[in-house]
Amino acid sequence: MWESETDASAWMEVAHPELDGRTPHEAAATEEDAARVEALLWRLFYGVPG
């Protein structure tokens, strides 16, 4: 999905509305929210709207 590891790392540090305004890195702190991050990544990968 991203051109580089740097781009992917940058995405992890940007707040996202589907994660209640938290960054994916912050949201991944709990198992339940990590599953939300994973689901978001799959939707982005397959181009499925949230």
N, C-alpha and C. Protein backbone atom coordinates (compact mmCIF):
# COMPACT_ATOMS: atom_id res chain seq x y z
N MET A 1 0.81 -1.18 0.00
CA MET A 1 0.00 0.00 0.00
C MET A 1 0.86 1.26 0.00
N TRP A 2 1.94 1.22 0.72
CA TRP A 2 2.81 2.39 0.78
C TRP A 2 4.08 2.12 0.01
N GLU A 3 4.69 3.18 -0.46
CA GLU A 3 5.90 3.07 -1.27
C GLU A 3 7.12 2.69 -0.44
N SER A 4 7.07 3.00 0.85
CA SER A 4 8.24 2.72 1.68
C SER A 4 7.82 2.47 3.12
N GLU A 5 8.75 1.93 3.87
CA GLU A 5 8.51 1.73 5.30
C GLU A 5 8.33 3.07 6.00
N THR A 6 9.03 4.09 5.51
CA THR A 6 8.90 5.43 6.08
C THR A 6 7.47 5.95 5.91
N ASP A 7 6.88 5.74 4.74
CA ASP A 7 5.49 6.16 4.50
C ASP A 7 4.52 5.41 5.41
N ALA A 8 4.74 4.11 5.55
CA ALA A 8 3.88 3.31 6.42
C ALA A 8 4.01 3.76 7.87
N SER A 9 5.22 4.03 8.31
CA SER A 9 5.43 4.51 9.68
C SER A 9 4.77 5.86 9.90
N ALA A 10 4.83 6.73 8.90
CA ALA A 10 4.20 8.04 9.00
C ALA A 10 2.69 7.89 9.14
N TRP A 11 2.08 6.97 8.40
CA TRP A 11 0.64 6.73 8.49
C TRP A 11 0.25 6.32 9.91
N MET A 12 1.09 5.56 10.56
CA MET A 12 0.81 5.10 11.93
C MET A 12 0.74 6.25 12.93
N GLU A 13 1.26 7.42 12.56
CA GLU A 13 1.33 8.55 13.49
C GLU A 13 0.36 9.68 13.14
N VAL A 14 -0.59 9.42 12.24
CA VAL A 14 -1.57 10.44 11.84
C VAL A 14 -2.94 10.03 12.40
N ALA A 15 -3.58 10.96 13.10
CA ALA A 15 -4.91 10.68 13.67
C ALA A 15 -5.89 10.34 12.56
N HIS A 16 -6.80 9.40 12.85
CA HIS A 16 -7.76 8.95 11.86
C HIS A 16 -9.16 8.98 12.47
N PRO A 17 -10.16 9.53 11.74
CA PRO A 17 -11.51 9.63 12.30
C PRO A 17 -12.13 8.27 12.64
N GLU A 18 -11.79 7.23 11.90
CA GLU A 18 -12.36 5.91 12.18
C GLU A 18 -11.77 5.28 13.44
N LEU A 19 -10.76 5.92 13.98
CA LEU A 19 -10.14 5.44 15.22
C LEU A 19 -10.39 6.45 16.34
N ASP A 20 -11.51 7.15 16.23
CA ASP A 20 -11.91 8.15 17.23
C ASP A 20 -10.87 9.24 17.39
N GLY A 21 -10.25 9.61 16.28
CA GLY A 21 -9.27 10.71 16.30
C GLY A 21 -7.91 10.32 16.84
N ARG A 22 -7.70 9.06 17.10
CA ARG A 22 -6.39 8.60 17.57
C ARG A 22 -5.55 8.15 16.39
N THR A 23 -4.25 8.08 16.61
CA THR A 23 -3.39 7.53 15.57
C THR A 23 -3.50 6.01 15.60
N PRO A 24 -3.20 5.33 14.49
CA PRO A 24 -3.20 3.87 14.52
C PRO A 24 -2.24 3.33 15.60
N HIS A 25 -1.13 4.00 15.78
CA HIS A 25 -0.18 3.57 16.80
C HIS A 25 -0.81 3.63 18.19
N GLU A 26 -1.51 4.72 18.50
CA GLU A 26 -2.18 4.85 19.79
C GLU A 26 -3.30 3.82 19.93
N ALA A 27 -4.08 3.65 18.88
CA ALA A 27 -5.22 2.74 18.92
C ALA A 27 -4.79 1.29 19.07
N ALA A 28 -3.63 0.94 18.58
CA ALA A 28 -3.18 -0.45 18.63
C ALA A 28 -2.73 -0.88 20.02
N ALA A 29 -2.89 -0.02 21.01
CA ALA A 29 -2.45 -0.33 22.37
C ALA A 29 -3.30 -1.41 23.04
N THR A 30 -4.54 -1.58 22.60
CA THR A 30 -5.37 -2.64 23.16
C THR A 30 -5.72 -3.64 22.05
N GLU A 31 -6.02 -4.85 22.45
CA GLU A 31 -6.32 -5.89 21.46
C GLU A 31 -7.56 -5.53 20.64
N GLU A 32 -8.58 -5.01 21.31
CA GLU A 32 -9.82 -4.65 20.60
C GLU A 32 -9.57 -3.55 19.58
N ASP A 33 -8.84 -2.52 19.98
CA ASP A 33 -8.57 -1.43 19.06
C ASP A 33 -7.54 -1.80 18.00
N ALA A 34 -6.65 -2.71 18.32
CA ALA A 34 -5.72 -3.19 17.31
C ALA A 34 -6.49 -3.88 16.18
N ALA A 35 -7.57 -4.56 16.54
CA ALA A 35 -8.42 -5.19 15.53
C ALA A 35 -9.08 -4.12 14.65
N ARG A 36 -9.42 -2.97 15.22
CA ARG A 36 -9.98 -1.86 14.43
C ARG A 36 -8.95 -1.32 13.45
N VAL A 37 -7.71 -1.21 13.91
CA VAL A 37 -6.63 -0.75 13.02
C VAL A 37 -6.45 -1.74 11.88
N GLU A 38 -6.45 -3.02 12.21
CA GLU A 38 -6.29 -4.05 11.18
C GLU A 38 -7.44 -3.99 10.17
N ALA A 39 -8.66 -3.83 10.65
CA ALA A 39 -9.81 -3.74 9.75
C ALA A 39 -9.69 -2.51 8.85
N LEU A 40 -9.24 -1.40 9.41
CA LEU A 40 -9.03 -0.20 8.62
C LEU A 40 -7.99 -0.44 7.53
N LEU A 41 -6.91 -1.09 7.88
CA LEU A 41 -5.87 -1.40 6.89
C LEU A 41 -6.41 -2.27 5.76
N TRP A 42 -7.22 -3.27 6.10
CA TRP A 42 -7.80 -4.13 5.06
C TRP A 42 -8.72 -3.32 4.15
N ARG A 43 -9.53 -2.43 4.73
CA ARG A 43 -10.41 -1.60 3.89
C ARG A 43 -9.60 -0.70 2.97
N LEU A 44 -8.53 -0.11 3.49
CA LEU A 44 -7.67 0.71 2.65
C LEU A 44 -7.03 -0.12 1.53
N PHE A 45 -6.58 -1.30 1.89
CA PHE A 45 -5.91 -2.17 0.93
C PHE A 45 -6.84 -2.55 -0.23
N TYR A 46 -8.09 -2.89 0.11
CA TYR A 46 -9.04 -3.32 -0.90
C TYR A 46 -9.90 -2.20 -1.46
N GLY A 47 -9.70 -0.96 -0.95
CA GLY A 47 -10.46 0.18 -1.46
C GLY A 47 -11.91 0.17 -1.07
N VAL A 48 -12.23 -0.43 0.09
CA VAL A 48 -13.59 -0.50 0.57
C VAL A 48 -13.85 0.69 1.49
N PRO A 49 -14.90 1.47 1.22
CA PRO A 49 -15.18 2.61 2.10
C PRO A 49 -15.56 2.16 3.51
N GLY A 50 -15.29 3.02 4.48
CA GLY A 50 -15.55 2.70 5.90
C GLY A 50 -16.90 2.97 6.35
